[in-house]
Amino acid sequence: MVVLVFLIFQNSKIEQNHLSNIRKLEEIISSLHKKQLYLNEKVAISSDYDLNYKNKLKNLSEEIVELQNVFISIINKKN
């Protein structure tokens, strides 16, 4: 009888410990999910910025080449 009471008590402690661990795990998973969403937003912003930067740099390079061509044609006309 004493063993049965002891086992029931131990089982109850194990269940409580298990539930506590499950709650902690759920909190960790929730925290990781929030962090993942935050990082996904950062990646999206970074990707948009990178694409925008590359497009602007390409346009600037094309304008530089065009101005160089104009400059060369002006120099050739003066010679």
N, C-alpha and C. Protein backbone atom coordinates (compact mmCIF):
# COMPACT_ATOMS: atom_id res chain seq x y z
N MET A 1 0.82 -1.20 0.00
CA MET A 1 0.00 0.00 0.00
C MET A 1 0.86 1.26 0.00
N VAL A 2 1.91 1.23 0.80
CA VAL A 2 2.82 2.37 0.89
C VAL A 2 3.50 2.59 -0.46
N VAL A 3 3.86 1.52 -1.11
CA VAL A 3 4.50 1.62 -2.42
C VAL A 3 3.55 2.24 -3.43
N LEU A 4 2.30 1.87 -3.37
CA LEU A 4 1.30 2.42 -4.29
C LEU A 4 1.15 3.93 -4.09
N VAL A 5 1.07 4.37 -2.85
CA VAL A 5 0.96 5.80 -2.56
C VAL A 5 2.22 6.52 -3.04
N PHE A 6 3.37 5.92 -2.78
CA PHE A 6 4.63 6.50 -3.23
C PHE A 6 4.66 6.64 -4.75
N LEU A 7 4.25 5.61 -5.45
CA LEU A 7 4.25 5.64 -6.92
C LEU A 7 3.26 6.67 -7.45
N ILE A 8 2.11 6.78 -6.82
CA ILE A 8 1.13 7.79 -7.25
C ILE A 8 1.71 9.19 -7.04
N PHE A 9 2.34 9.40 -5.89
CA PHE A 9 2.97 10.69 -5.62
C PHE A 9 4.07 10.99 -6.64
N GLN A 10 4.91 10.03 -6.91
CA GLN A 10 5.99 10.20 -7.89
C GLN A 10 5.43 10.48 -9.28
N ASN A 11 4.38 9.76 -9.64
CA ASN A 11 3.76 9.96 -10.94
C ASN A 11 3.21 11.39 -11.06
N SER A 12 2.61 11.86 -9.98
CA SER A 12 2.08 13.22 -9.98
C SER A 12 3.20 14.24 -10.15
N LYS A 13 4.32 14.03 -9.46
CA LYS A 13 5.47 14.94 -9.61
C LYS A 13 6.01 14.91 -11.03
N ILE A 14 6.10 13.73 -11.60
CA ILE A 14 6.59 13.58 -12.97
C ILE A 14 5.66 14.30 -13.95
N GLU A 15 4.36 14.14 -13.76
CA GLU A 15 3.39 14.82 -14.64
C GLU A 15 3.52 16.34 -14.54
N GLN A 16 3.65 16.85 -13.31
CA GLN A 16 3.79 18.29 -13.13
C GLN A 16 5.07 18.79 -13.77
N ASN A 17 6.13 18.05 -13.59
CA ASN A 17 7.41 18.42 -14.21
C ASN A 17 7.29 18.39 -15.73
N HIS A 18 6.64 17.39 -16.24
CA HIS A 18 6.44 17.27 -17.68
C HIS A 18 5.62 18.46 -18.22
N LEU A 19 4.53 18.80 -17.54
CA LEU A 19 3.71 19.94 -17.97
C LEU A 19 4.50 21.24 -17.93
N SER A 20 5.32 21.39 -16.89
CA SER A 20 6.17 22.58 -16.80
C SER A 20 7.15 22.64 -17.98
N ASN A 21 7.74 21.50 -18.30
CA ASN A 21 8.68 21.46 -19.43
C ASN A 21 7.96 21.73 -20.76
N ILE A 22 6.75 21.22 -20.89
CA ILE A 22 5.97 21.45 -22.11
C ILE A 22 5.67 22.94 -22.26
N ARG A 23 5.29 23.61 -21.15
CA ARG A 23 5.02 25.06 -21.20
C ARG A 23 6.27 25.83 -21.61
N LYS A 24 7.41 25.45 -21.03
CA LYS A 24 8.67 26.11 -21.38
C LYS A 24 8.97 25.91 -22.86
N LEU A 25 8.77 24.70 -23.35
CA LEU A 25 9.02 24.41 -24.76
C LEU A 25 8.11 25.24 -25.65
N GLU A 26 6.83 25.36 -25.27
CA GLU A 26 5.89 26.17 -26.05
C GLU A 26 6.32 27.63 -26.07
N GLU A 27 6.82 28.14 -24.95
CA GLU A 27 7.30 29.52 -24.89
C GLU A 27 8.51 29.71 -25.79
N ILE A 28 9.41 28.73 -25.77
CA ILE A 28 10.61 28.81 -26.61
C ILE A 28 10.23 28.76 -28.09
N ILE A 29 9.31 27.88 -28.44
CA ILE A 29 8.86 27.78 -29.83
C ILE A 29 8.19 29.08 -30.27
N SER A 30 7.38 29.65 -29.40
CA SER A 30 6.72 30.92 -29.72
C SER A 30 7.75 32.03 -29.91
N SER A 31 8.73 32.07 -29.03
CA SER A 31 9.79 33.07 -29.14
C SER A 31 10.58 32.90 -30.44
N LEU A 32 10.91 31.67 -30.77
CA LEU A 32 11.64 31.40 -32.01
C LEU A 32 10.81 31.80 -33.23
N HIS A 33 9.52 31.54 -33.18
CA HIS A 33 8.65 31.91 -34.29
C HIS A 33 8.62 33.43 -34.48
N LYS A 34 8.50 34.17 -33.38
CA LYS A 34 8.51 35.63 -33.46
C LYS A 34 9.83 36.13 -34.03
N LYS A 35 10.92 35.54 -33.57
CA LYS A 35 12.25 35.94 -34.07
C LYS A 35 12.37 35.62 -35.56
N GLN A 36 11.85 34.49 -35.98
CA GLN A 36 11.91 34.12 -37.39
C GLN A 36 11.12 35.11 -38.23
N LEU A 37 9.92 35.50 -37.77
CA LEU A 37 9.13 36.49 -38.50
C LEU A 37 9.89 37.81 -38.60
N TYR A 38 10.51 38.23 -37.50
CA TYR A 38 11.27 39.47 -37.48
C TYR A 38 12.43 39.40 -38.48
N LEU A 39 13.16 38.29 -38.46
CA LEU A 39 14.29 38.13 -39.38
C LEU A 39 13.82 38.07 -40.83
N ASN A 40 12.68 37.44 -41.08
CA ASN A 40 12.15 37.40 -42.44
C ASN A 40 11.83 38.81 -42.93
N GLU A 41 11.29 39.66 -42.04
CA GLU A 41 11.03 41.05 -42.41
C GLU A 41 12.34 41.76 -42.74
N LYS A 42 13.37 41.53 -41.93
CA LYS A 42 14.68 42.15 -42.17
C LYS A 42 15.24 41.71 -43.52
N VAL A 43 15.11 40.43 -43.82
CA VAL A 43 15.62 39.90 -45.10
C VAL A 43 14.87 40.55 -46.26
N ALA A 44 13.55 40.68 -46.12
CA ALA A 44 12.76 41.29 -47.19
C ALA A 44 13.18 42.75 -47.40
N ILE A 45 13.36 43.48 -46.31
CA ILE A 45 13.79 44.88 -46.41
C ILE A 45 15.18 44.95 -47.03
N SER A 46 16.07 44.08 -46.57
CA SER A 46 17.43 44.06 -47.09
C SER A 46 17.45 43.72 -48.58
N SER A 47 16.63 42.76 -48.97
CA SER A 47 16.57 42.37 -50.38
C SER A 47 16.04 43.52 -51.25
N ASP A 48 14.99 44.19 -50.76
CA ASP A 48 14.46 45.34 -51.49
C ASP A 48 15.50 46.43 -51.62
N TYR A 49 16.22 46.71 -50.53
CA TYR A 49 17.25 47.74 -50.55
C TYR A 49 18.36 47.36 -51.52
N ASP A 50 18.77 46.09 -51.47
CA ASP A 50 19.85 45.62 -52.34
C ASP A 50 19.45 45.75 -53.81
N LEU A 51 18.23 45.34 -54.15
CA LEU A 51 17.76 45.45 -55.52
C LEU A 51 17.68 46.91 -55.96
N ASN A 52 17.14 47.75 -55.09
CA ASN A 52 17.02 49.18 -55.39
C ASN A 52 18.41 49.80 -55.58
N TYR A 53 19.36 49.43 -54.71
CA TYR A 53 20.73 49.95 -54.81
C TYR A 53 21.37 49.52 -56.13
N LYS A 54 21.21 48.25 -56.48
CA LYS A 54 21.82 47.76 -57.73
C LYS A 54 21.22 48.47 -58.95
N ASN A 55 19.91 48.69 -58.94
CA ASN A 55 19.28 49.39 -60.06
C ASN A 55 19.77 50.83 -60.17
N LYS A 56 19.88 51.50 -59.03
CA LYS A 56 20.37 52.89 -59.05
C LYS A 56 21.82 52.95 -59.51
N LEU A 57 22.63 52.01 -59.05
CA LEU A 57 24.02 51.97 -59.46
C LEU A 57 24.14 51.70 -60.96
N LYS A 58 23.32 50.82 -61.48
CA LYS A 58 23.33 50.54 -62.91
C LYS A 58 22.93 51.78 -63.71
N ASN A 59 21.87 52.46 -63.26
CA ASN A 59 21.45 53.68 -63.94
C ASN A 59 22.54 54.75 -63.89
N LEU A 60 23.18 54.88 -62.74
CA LEU A 60 24.25 55.85 -62.61
C LEU A 60 25.41 55.52 -63.54
N SER A 61 25.75 54.25 -63.63
CA SER A 61 26.83 53.83 -64.54
C SER A 61 26.47 54.13 -65.99
N GLU A 62 25.23 53.89 -66.37
CA GLU A 62 24.80 54.18 -67.74
C GLU A 62 24.86 55.69 -68.01
N GLU A 63 24.48 56.50 -67.03
CA GLU A 63 24.55 57.96 -67.21
C GLU A 63 25.99 58.42 -67.34
N ILE A 64 26.89 57.82 -66.57
CA ILE A 64 28.31 58.17 -66.65
C ILE A 64 28.85 57.86 -68.04
N VAL A 65 28.52 56.67 -68.54
CA VAL A 65 28.98 56.30 -69.88
C VAL A 65 28.41 57.26 -70.92
N GLU A 66 27.15 57.60 -70.79
CA GLU A 66 26.52 58.54 -71.72
C GLU A 66 27.20 59.90 -71.67
N LEU A 67 27.49 60.39 -70.47
CA LEU A 67 28.19 61.68 -70.34
C LEU A 67 29.61 61.61 -70.90
N GLN A 68 30.25 60.49 -70.72
CA GLN A 68 31.60 60.32 -71.28
C GLN A 68 31.54 60.38 -72.82
N ASN A 69 30.50 59.74 -73.38
CA ASN A 69 30.34 59.79 -74.84
C ASN A 69 30.10 61.21 -75.32
N VAL A 70 29.28 61.95 -74.58
CA VAL A 70 29.01 63.34 -74.94
C VAL A 70 30.30 64.15 -74.84
N PHE A 71 31.04 63.94 -73.79
CA PHE A 71 32.29 64.65 -73.59
C PHE A 71 33.28 64.35 -74.72
N ILE A 72 33.38 63.08 -75.11
CA ILE A 72 34.28 62.69 -76.20
C ILE A 72 33.82 63.32 -77.52
N SER A 73 32.52 63.35 -77.76
CA SER A 73 32.04 63.95 -79.01
C SER A 73 32.31 65.46 -79.02
N ILE A 74 32.19 66.13 -77.89
CA ILE A 74 32.50 67.57 -77.82
C ILE A 74 33.98 67.81 -78.09
N ILE A 75 34.81 66.96 -77.50
CA ILE A 75 36.27 67.11 -77.72
C ILE A 75 36.61 66.86 -79.17
N ASN A 76 35.98 65.86 -79.80
CA ASN A 76 36.25 65.56 -81.20
C ASN A 76 35.78 66.69 -82.11
N LYS A 77 34.71 67.37 -81.80
CA LYS A 77 34.21 68.49 -82.60
C LYS A 77 35.16 69.67 -82.51
N LYS A 78 35.78 69.87 -81.37
CA LYS A 78 36.69 71.00 -81.19
C LYS A 78 38.02 70.73 -81.88
N ASN A 79 38.36 69.48 -82.09
CA ASN A 79 39.64 69.17 -82.76
C ASN A 79 39.40 69.20 -84.21
